[in-house]
Amino acid sequence: MDSHSGRVPPTPPEIWEAPPKGRVLVLAPHPDDEILGCGGVIALHRDQGDPIRILFLTDGSAGDPAGYYPADQYVAIRRAEARQACAVLGVTDLLFWDLPDGKLTTVSDLADRLLDAVRSFDPDTLYYPSGQELHPDHWAAGVAIEDLHRDGLLAAPAYAYEVWTAIQPTHVIDIASGLVRKESAMAHYPSQLRYNDYRPKILGLNAYRSLFLPPGQARHAEAFRRLA
């Protein structure tokens, strides 16, 4: 009896020589997810002149549980960090929805809001947090996008990025030419690095993803999973 029952092994990810050209929309549940998950590819998109909009879904207000910062100023602090970090990558088109941090799962019309945002910008490429992410806000955003895709409402190709949870990638890209900018952009989030230094963790993940690239030619890559 065939133990594989007709199954075939997964296909290795496609290696992008460059990111897809055109208008780019990045969905970030919190200020810093855009850099951690796809800061390298954002830098590469800007290198080829692609217009980019980054949409921050929550206000990030739950990111200071120890109360190191004045509560009445904290959301503004996180916005300022986002502007500075994204400017390093050459992105200034930022939208802040200020939905409650940690409560995206309770936003009943999240999918409708996201659909309006996508249609308003009309991107050629959409990056979003995977619906397999273990952070509830990431998960809620990812599931909303994946539901829209399932219902045939998304025109642009959508690619899931990874932050808290590794994906099974369909695409990888060498981010060597954007790595310094990604590292610099991460450093512009001191309010988050104070709690958890994401830099070695994310760079370690990027180093691991370079396994898919030709040996000896790259040390860091970002991985994505295209919705199909």
C-alpha atoms as a PDB file:
ATOM      1  CA  MET A   1       0.000   0.000   0.000  1.00  0.00           C
ATOM      2  CA  ASP A   2       1.292   3.462  -0.918  1.00  0.00           C
ATOM      3  CA  SER A   3       1.984   5.233   2.372  1.00  0.00           C
ATOM      4  CA  HIS A   4       1.808   8.633   0.631  1.00  0.00           C
ATOM      5  CA  SER A   5      -1.811   8.129  -0.478  1.00  0.00           C
ATOM      6  CA  GLY A   6      -1.271  10.147  -3.638  1.00  0.00           C
ATOM      7  CA  ARG A   7       0.227  13.120  -1.853  1.00  0.00           C
ATOM      8  CA  VAL A   8       3.145  15.041  -3.308  1.00  0.00           C
ATOM      9  CA  PRO A   9       5.875  16.997  -1.509  1.00  0.00           C
ATOM     10  CA  PRO A  10       5.456  20.772  -1.189  1.00  0.00           C
ATOM     11  CA  THR A  11       6.940  22.980  -3.886  1.00  0.00           C
ATOM     12  CA  PRO A  12      10.016  24.998  -2.855  1.00  0.00           C
ATOM     13  CA  PRO A  13       9.390  28.737  -2.734  1.00  0.00           C
ATOM     14  CA  GLU A  14       9.926  30.908  -5.779  1.00  0.00           C
ATOM     15  CA  ILE A  15      12.940  33.184  -5.465  1.00  0.00           C
ATOM     16  CA  TRP A  16      12.153  36.779  -6.335  1.00  0.00           C
ATOM     17  CA  GLU A  17      15.010  38.549  -8.074  1.00  0.00           C
ATOM     18  CA  ALA A  18      13.129  41.774  -7.306  1.00  0.00           C
ATOM     19  CA  PRO A  19       9.749  42.457  -5.717  1.00  0.00           C
ATOM     20  CA  PRO A  20       6.682  42.839  -7.948  1.00  0.00           C
ATOM     21  CA  LYS A  21       6.492  46.308  -9.463  1.00  0.00           C
ATOM     22  CA  GLY A  22       3.615  48.682  -8.857  1.00  0.00           C
ATOM     23  CA  ARG A  23       1.616  50.162  -6.020  1.00  0.00           C
ATOM     24  CA  VAL A  24       2.117  48.499  -2.628  1.00  0.00           C
ATOM     25  CA  LEU A  25      -0.150  48.409   0.414  1.00  0.00           C
ATOM     26  CA  VAL A  26       1.224  47.088   3.711  1.00  0.00           C
ATOM     27  CA  LEU A  27      -1.114  46.241   6.587  1.00  0.00           C
ATOM     28  CA  ALA A  28       0.468  46.479  10.033  1.00  0.00           C
ATOM     29  CA  PRO A  29      -1.561  45.581  13.124  1.00  0.00           C
ATOM     30  CA  HIS A  30       0.839  47.646  15.276  1.00  0.00           C
ATOM     31  CA  PRO A  31       3.581  50.187  14.652  1.00  0.00           C
ATOM     32  CA  ASP A  32       6.709  48.035  14.089  1.00  0.00           C
ATOM     33  CA  ASP A  33       5.066  45.013  12.404  1.00  0.00           C
ATOM     34  CA  GLU A  34       5.682  46.565   8.997  1.00  0.00           C
ATOM     35  CA  ILE A  35       9.443  46.668   9.651  1.00  0.00           C
ATOM     36  CA  LEU A  36       9.727  43.322  11.405  1.00  0.00           C
ATOM     37  CA  GLY A  37       7.696  41.413   8.833  1.00  0.00           C
ATOM     38  CA  CYS A  38       8.621  43.042   5.552  1.00  0.00           C
ATOM     39  CA  GLY A  39      10.954  45.985   6.116  1.00  0.00           C
ATOM     40  CA  GLY A  40      13.488  44.550   3.702  1.00  0.00           C
ATOM     41  CA  VAL A  41      11.088  44.140   0.818  1.00  0.00           C
ATOM     42  CA  ILE A  42       9.640  47.601   1.492  1.00  0.00           C
ATOM     43  CA  ALA A  43      13.128  49.032   1.033  1.00  0.00           C
ATOM     44  CA  LEU A  44      13.503  47.115  -2.232  1.00  0.00           C
ATOM     45  CA  HIS A  45      10.140  48.357  -3.479  1.00  0.00           C
ATOM     46  CA  ARG A  46      11.216  51.927  -2.820  1.00  0.00           C
ATOM     47  CA  ASP A  47      14.500  51.312  -4.641  1.00  0.00           C
ATOM     48  CA  GLN A  48      12.506  50.577  -7.779  1.00  0.00           C
ATOM     49  CA  GLY A  49      10.256  53.596  -7.260  1.00  0.00           C
ATOM     50  CA  ASP A  50       7.076  51.824  -6.206  1.00  0.00           C
ATOM     51  CA  PRO A  51       4.456  53.935  -4.353  1.00  0.00           C
ATOM     52  CA  ILE A  52       3.862  52.466  -0.895  1.00  0.00           C
ATOM     53  CA  ARG A  53       1.155  53.073   1.675  1.00  0.00           C
ATOM     54  CA  ILE A  54       1.363  51.576   5.170  1.00  0.00           C
ATOM     55  CA  LEU A  55      -1.839  51.204   7.144  1.00  0.00           C
ATOM     56  CA  PHE A  56      -1.482  50.831  10.923  1.00  0.00           C
ATOM     57  CA  LEU A  57      -4.600  49.181  12.284  1.00  0.00           C
ATOM     58  CA  THR A  58      -4.296  49.701  16.056  1.00  0.00           C
ATOM     59  CA  ASP A  59      -3.089  52.599  18.161  1.00  0.00           C
ATOM     60  CA  GLY A  60      -0.381  50.530  19.872  1.00  0.00           C
ATOM     61  CA  SER A  61      -1.640  51.662  23.269  1.00  0.00           C
ATOM     62  CA  ALA A  62      -1.117  48.259  24.906  1.00  0.00           C
ATOM     63  CA  GLY A  63       2.606  48.266  24.184  1.00  0.00           C
ATOM     64  CA  ASP A  64       3.710  49.760  27.505  1.00  0.00           C
ATOM     65  CA  PRO A  65       2.358  47.458  30.250  1.00  0.00           C
ATOM     66  CA  ALA A  66       4.956  48.627  32.773  1.00  0.00           C
ATOM     67  CA  GLY A  67       4.034  52.276  32.317  1.00  0.00           C
ATOM     68  CA  TYR A  68       7.441  53.640  31.345  1.00  0.00           C
ATOM     69  CA  TYR A  69       5.830  56.398  29.270  1.00  0.00           C
ATOM     70  CA  PRO A  70       3.085  58.950  30.085  1.00  0.00           C
ATOM     71  CA  ALA A  71      -0.184  57.236  29.217  1.00  0.00           C
ATOM     72  CA  ASP A  72      -1.651  60.363  27.636  1.00  0.00           C
ATOM     73  CA  GLN A  73       1.336  60.650  25.292  1.00  0.00           C
ATOM     74  CA  TYR A  74       1.990  57.029  24.464  1.00  0.00           C
ATOM     75  CA  VAL A  75      -0.073  56.712  21.278  1.00  0.00           C
ATOM     76  CA  ALA A  76       1.607  59.857  19.934  1.00  0.00           C
ATOM     77  CA  ILE A  77       5.005  58.380  20.830  1.00  0.00           C
ATOM     78  CA  ARG A  78       4.276  55.249  18.851  1.00  0.00           C
ATOM     79  CA  ARG A  79       3.066  57.267  15.883  1.00  0.00           C
ATOM     80  CA  ALA A  80       6.242  59.314  15.929  1.00  0.00           C
ATOM     81  CA  GLU A  81       8.329  56.139  16.035  1.00  0.00           C
ATOM     82  CA  ALA A  82       6.416  54.769  13.053  1.00  0.00           C
ATOM     83  CA  ARG A  83       6.978  57.922  11.033  1.00  0.00           C
ATOM     84  CA  GLN A  84      10.690  57.910  11.799  1.00  0.00           C
ATOM     85  CA  ALA A  85      11.104  54.198  11.087  1.00  0.00           C
ATOM     86  CA  CYS A  86       9.206  54.326   7.808  1.00  0.00           C
ATOM     87  CA  ALA A  87      11.087  57.441   6.710  1.00  0.00           C
ATOM     88  CA  VAL A  88      14.293  55.380   6.898  1.00  0.00           C
ATOM     89  CA  LEU A  89      12.766  53.150   4.219  1.00  0.00           C
ATOM     90  CA  GLY A  90      11.567  56.122   2.209  1.00  0.00           C
ATOM     91  CA  VAL A  91       7.871  55.745   3.011  1.00  0.00           C
ATOM     92  CA  THR A  92       5.804  58.738   4.121  1.00  0.00           C
ATOM     93  CA  ASP A  93       2.283  57.670   3.074  1.00  0.00           C
ATOM     94  CA  LEU A  94       1.048  56.379   6.433  1.00  0.00           C
ATOM     95  CA  LEU A  95      -2.487  55.898   7.714  1.00  0.00           C
ATOM     96  CA  PHE A  96      -3.348  55.364  11.386  1.00  0.00           C
ATOM     97  CA  TRP A  97      -6.735  53.847  12.175  1.00  0.00           C
ATOM     98  CA  ASP A  98      -6.230  53.870  15.961  1.00  0.00           C
ATOM     99  CA  LEU A  99      -8.354  50.797  16.610  1.00  0.00           C
ATOM    100  CA  PRO A 100      -7.949  49.431  20.161  1.00  0.00           C
ATOM    101  CA  ASP A 101      -4.667  47.605  20.611  1.00  0.00           C
ATOM    102  CA  GLY A 102      -5.212  43.958  21.533  1.00  0.00           C
ATOM    103  CA  LYS A 103      -8.874  43.985  20.513  1.00  0.00           C
ATOM    104  CA  LEU A 104      -8.948  43.541  16.747  1.00  0.00           C
ATOM    105  CA  THR A 105     -10.802  40.267  17.275  1.00  0.00           C
ATOM    106  CA  THR A 106     -13.743  42.319  18.596  1.00  0.00           C
ATOM    107  CA  VAL A 107     -13.973  44.644  15.573  1.00  0.00           C
ATOM    108  CA  SER A 108     -16.955  43.109  13.801  1.00  0.00           C
ATOM    109  CA  ASP A 109     -16.580  45.116  10.582  1.00  0.00           C
ATOM    110  CA  LEU A 110     -12.814  44.727  10.259  1.00  0.00           C
ATOM    111  CA  ALA A 111     -13.042  42.902   6.935  1.00  0.00           C
ATOM    112  CA  ASP A 112     -15.322  45.577   5.488  1.00  0.00           C
ATOM    113  CA  ARG A 113     -12.951  48.319   6.627  1.00  0.00           C
ATOM    114  CA  LEU A 114      -9.980  46.536   5.141  1.00  0.00           C
ATOM    115  CA  LEU A 115     -11.779  45.996   1.854  1.00  0.00           C
ATOM    116  CA  ASP A 116     -12.549  49.713   1.649  1.00  0.00           C
ATOM    117  CA  ALA A 117      -8.900  50.536   2.376  1.00  0.00           C
ATOM    118  CA  VAL A 118      -7.647  48.147  -0.296  1.00  0.00           C
ATOM    119  CA  ARG A 119     -10.074  49.434  -2.899  1.00  0.00           C
ATOM    120  CA  SER A 120      -9.274  53.047  -2.031  1.00  0.00           C
ATOM    121  CA  PHE A 121      -5.541  52.600  -2.654  1.00  0.00           C
ATOM    122  CA  ASP A 122      -5.909  49.996  -5.422  1.00  0.00           C
ATOM    123  CA  PRO A 123      -2.551  48.272  -4.841  1.00  0.00           C
ATOM    124  CA  ASP A 124      -0.803  45.941  -7.248  1.00  0.00           C
ATOM    125  CA  THR A 125       0.667  44.056  -4.274  1.00  0.00           C
ATOM    126  CA  LEU A 126      -0.682  43.641  -0.742  1.00  0.00           C
ATOM    127  CA  TYR A 127       1.374  42.525   2.257  1.00  0.00           C
ATOM    128  CA  TYR A 128      -0.463  41.444   5.392  1.00  0.00           C
ATOM    129  CA  PRO A 129       0.114  39.431   8.593  1.00  0.00           C
ATOM    130  CA  SER A 130      -0.531  35.730   8.182  1.00  0.00           C
ATOM    131  CA  GLY A 131      -3.785  34.243   9.421  1.00  0.00           C
ATOM    132  CA  GLN A 132      -1.613  31.655  11.202  1.00  0.00           C
ATOM    133  CA  GLU A 133       0.008  34.265  13.452  1.00  0.00           C
ATOM    134  CA  LEU A 134      -0.190  33.542  17.181  1.00  0.00           C
ATOM    135  CA  HIS A 135      -0.745  37.178  18.160  1.00  0.00           C
ATOM    136  CA  PRO A 136      -4.533  37.783  18.231  1.00  0.00           C
ATOM    137  CA  ASP A 137      -4.374  41.158  16.461  1.00  0.00           C
ATOM    138  CA  HIS A 138      -2.183  39.738  13.721  1.00  0.00           C
ATOM    139  CA  TRP A 139      -4.465  36.732  13.428  1.00  0.00           C
ATOM    140  CA  ALA A 140      -7.594  38.889  13.174  1.00  0.00           C
ATOM    141  CA  ALA A 141      -6.140  41.025  10.394  1.00  0.00           C
ATOM    142  CA  GLY A 142      -4.815  37.990   8.554  1.00  0.00           C
ATOM    143  CA  VAL A 143      -8.070  36.056   8.751  1.00  0.00           C
ATOM    144  CA  ALA A 144     -10.022  39.100   7.566  1.00  0.00           C
ATOM    145  CA  ILE A 145      -7.822  39.411   4.459  1.00  0.00           C
ATOM    146  CA  GLU A 146      -7.950  35.683   3.797  1.00  0.00           C
ATOM    147  CA  ASP A 147     -11.737  35.695   4.079  1.00  0.00           C
ATOM    148  CA  LEU A 148     -11.936  38.566   1.583  1.00  0.00           C
ATOM    149  CA  HIS A 149      -9.716  36.608  -0.782  1.00  0.00           C
ATOM    150  CA  ARG A 150     -11.816  33.469  -0.366  1.00  0.00           C
ATOM    151  CA  ASP A 151     -14.900  35.482  -1.262  1.00  0.00           C
ATOM    152  CA  GLY A 152     -13.247  36.784  -4.434  1.00  0.00           C
ATOM    153  CA  LEU A 153     -13.159  40.401  -3.249  1.00  0.00           C
ATOM    154  CA  LEU A 154      -9.422  41.049  -3.502  1.00  0.00           C
ATOM    155  CA  ALA A 155      -8.047  41.955  -6.908  1.00  0.00           C
ATOM    156  CA  ALA A 156      -4.389  42.362  -5.974  1.00  0.00           C
ATOM    157  CA  PRO A 157      -2.062  39.464  -5.143  1.00  0.00           C
ATOM    158  CA  ALA A 158      -1.776  39.217  -1.352  1.00  0.00           C
ATOM    159  CA  TYR A 159       1.335  37.977   0.419  1.00  0.00           C
ATOM    160  CA  ALA A 160       1.417  37.010   4.087  1.00  0.00           C
ATOM    161  CA  TYR A 161       4.496  38.006   6.064  1.00  0.00           C
ATOM    162  CA  GLU A 162       5.746  36.474   9.304  1.00  0.00           C
ATOM    163  CA  VAL A 163       6.473  38.013  12.703  1.00  0.00           C
ATOM    164  CA  TRP A 164       5.323  35.824  15.583  1.00  0.00           C
ATOM    165  CA  THR A 165       4.753  32.662  13.571  1.00  0.00           C
ATOM    166  CA  ALA A 166       6.737  31.157  10.723  1.00  0.00           C
ATOM    167  CA  ILE A 167       4.870  30.509   7.495  1.00  0.00           C
ATOM    168  CA  GLN A 168       5.323  27.881   4.787  1.00  0.00           C
ATOM    169  CA  PRO A 169       6.610  30.279   2.130  1.00  0.00           C
ATOM    170  CA  THR A 170       5.740  30.448  -1.529  1.00  0.00           C
ATOM    171  CA  HIS A 171       8.208  33.290  -2.210  1.00  0.00           C
ATOM    172  CA  VAL A 172      11.515  34.452  -0.746  1.00  0.00           C
ATOM    173  CA  ILE A 173      13.702  37.428  -1.581  1.00  0.00           C
ATOM    174  CA  ASP A 174      17.270  38.384  -0.796  1.00  0.00           C
ATOM    175  CA  ILE A 175      17.110  41.568   1.311  1.00  0.00           C
ATOM    176  CA  ALA A 176      20.862  42.245   1.439  1.00  0.00           C
ATOM    177  CA  SER A 177      20.542  45.642  -0.248  1.00  0.00           C
ATOM    178  CA  GLY A 178      17.826  46.694   2.213  1.00  0.00           C
ATOM    179  CA  LEU A 179      19.178  45.067   5.358  1.00  0.00           C
ATOM    180  CA  VAL A 180      20.976  48.094   6.794  1.00  0.00           C
ATOM    181  CA  ARG A 181      17.829  50.179   6.359  1.00  0.00           C
ATOM    182  CA  LYS A 182      15.684  47.486   7.964  1.00  0.00           C
ATOM    183  CA  GLU A 183      18.019  47.324  10.968  1.00  0.00           C
ATOM    184  CA  SER A 184      18.069  51.119  11.243  1.00  0.00           C
ATOM    185  CA  ALA A 185      14.280  51.299  11.000  1.00  0.00           C
ATOM    186  CA  MET A 186      13.862  48.743  13.795  1.00  0.00           C
ATOM    187  CA  ALA A 187      16.035  50.902  16.024  1.00  0.00           C
ATOM    188  CA  HIS A 188      13.472  53.698  15.712  1.00  0.00           C
ATOM    189  CA  TYR A 189      11.053  51.733  17.899  1.00  0.00           C
ATOM    190  CA  PRO A 190      12.711  52.160  21.324  1.00  0.00           C
ATOM    191  CA  SER A 191       9.385  51.887  23.133  1.00  0.00           C
ATOM    192  CA  GLN A 192       9.125  48.292  21.917  1.00  0.00           C
ATOM    193  CA  LEU A 193      12.790  47.376  22.081  1.00  0.00           C
ATOM    194  CA  ARG A 194      12.713  48.348  25.736  1.00  0.00           C
ATOM    195  CA  TYR A 195      10.555  45.298  26.352  1.00  0.00           C
ATOM    196  CA  ASN A 196      11.902  42.884  23.782  1.00  0.00           C
ATOM    197  CA  ASP A 197      14.884  43.331  21.504  1.00  0.00           C
ATOM    198  CA  TYR A 198      13.338  42.031  18.319  1.00  0.00           C
ATOM    199  CA  ARG A 199      16.373  42.790  16.207  1.00  0.00           C
ATOM    200  CA  PRO A 200      18.428  39.597  16.744  1.00  0.00           C
ATOM    201  CA  LYS A 201      15.267  37.493  16.602  1.00  0.00           C
ATOM    202  CA  ILE A 202      14.007  38.948  13.343  1.00  0.00           C
ATOM    203  CA  LEU A 203      17.453  39.016  11.767  1.00  0.00           C
ATOM    204  CA  GLY A 204      17.856  35.398  12.857  1.00  0.00           C
ATOM    205  CA  LEU A 205      14.600  34.539  11.101  1.00  0.00           C
ATOM    206  CA  ASN A 206      15.804  36.409   8.011  1.00  0.00           C
ATOM    207  CA  ALA A 207      19.112  34.552   8.153  1.00  0.00           C
ATOM    208  CA  TYR A 208      17.246  31.248   8.365  1.00  0.00           C
ATOM    209  CA  ARG A 209      15.124  32.149   5.334  1.00  0.00           C
ATOM    210  CA  SER A 210      18.297  32.587   3.276  1.00  0.00           C
ATOM    211  CA  LEU A 211      18.501  28.771   3.237  1.00  0.00           C
ATOM    212  CA  PHE A 212      16.250  28.915   0.183  1.00  0.00           C
ATOM    213  CA  LEU A 213      18.660  31.143  -1.750  1.00  0.00           C
ATOM    214  CA  PRO A 214      21.678  29.931  -3.749  1.00  0.00           C
ATOM    215  CA  PRO A 215      24.489  28.890  -1.370  1.00  0.00           C
ATOM    216  CA  GLY A 216      26.954  31.592  -0.479  1.00  0.00           C
ATOM    217  CA  GLN A 217      25.125  34.345  -2.328  1.00  0.00           C
ATOM    218  CA  ALA A 218      22.953  35.790   0.440  1.00  0.00           C
ATOM    219  CA  ARG A 219      22.734  35.828   4.194  1.00  0.00           C
ATOM    220  CA  HIS A 220      19.315  37.355   4.843  1.00  0.00           C
ATOM    221  CA  ALA A 221      15.963  36.905   3.156  1.00  0.00           C
ATOM    222  CA  GLU A 222      12.314  37.600   3.842  1.00  0.00           C
ATOM    223  CA  ALA A 223       9.678  34.965   3.196  1.00  0.00           C
ATOM    224  CA  PHE A 224       6.071  35.336   2.120  1.00  0.00           C
ATOM    225  CA  ARG A 225       3.095  33.126   1.397  1.00  0.00           C
ATOM    226  CA  ARG A 226       0.863  34.126  -1.482  1.00  0.00           C
ATOM    227  CA  LEU A 227      -2.859  33.635  -1.118  1.00  0.00           C
ATOM    228  CA  ALA A 228      -4.042  31.185  -3.737  1.00  0.00           C
END
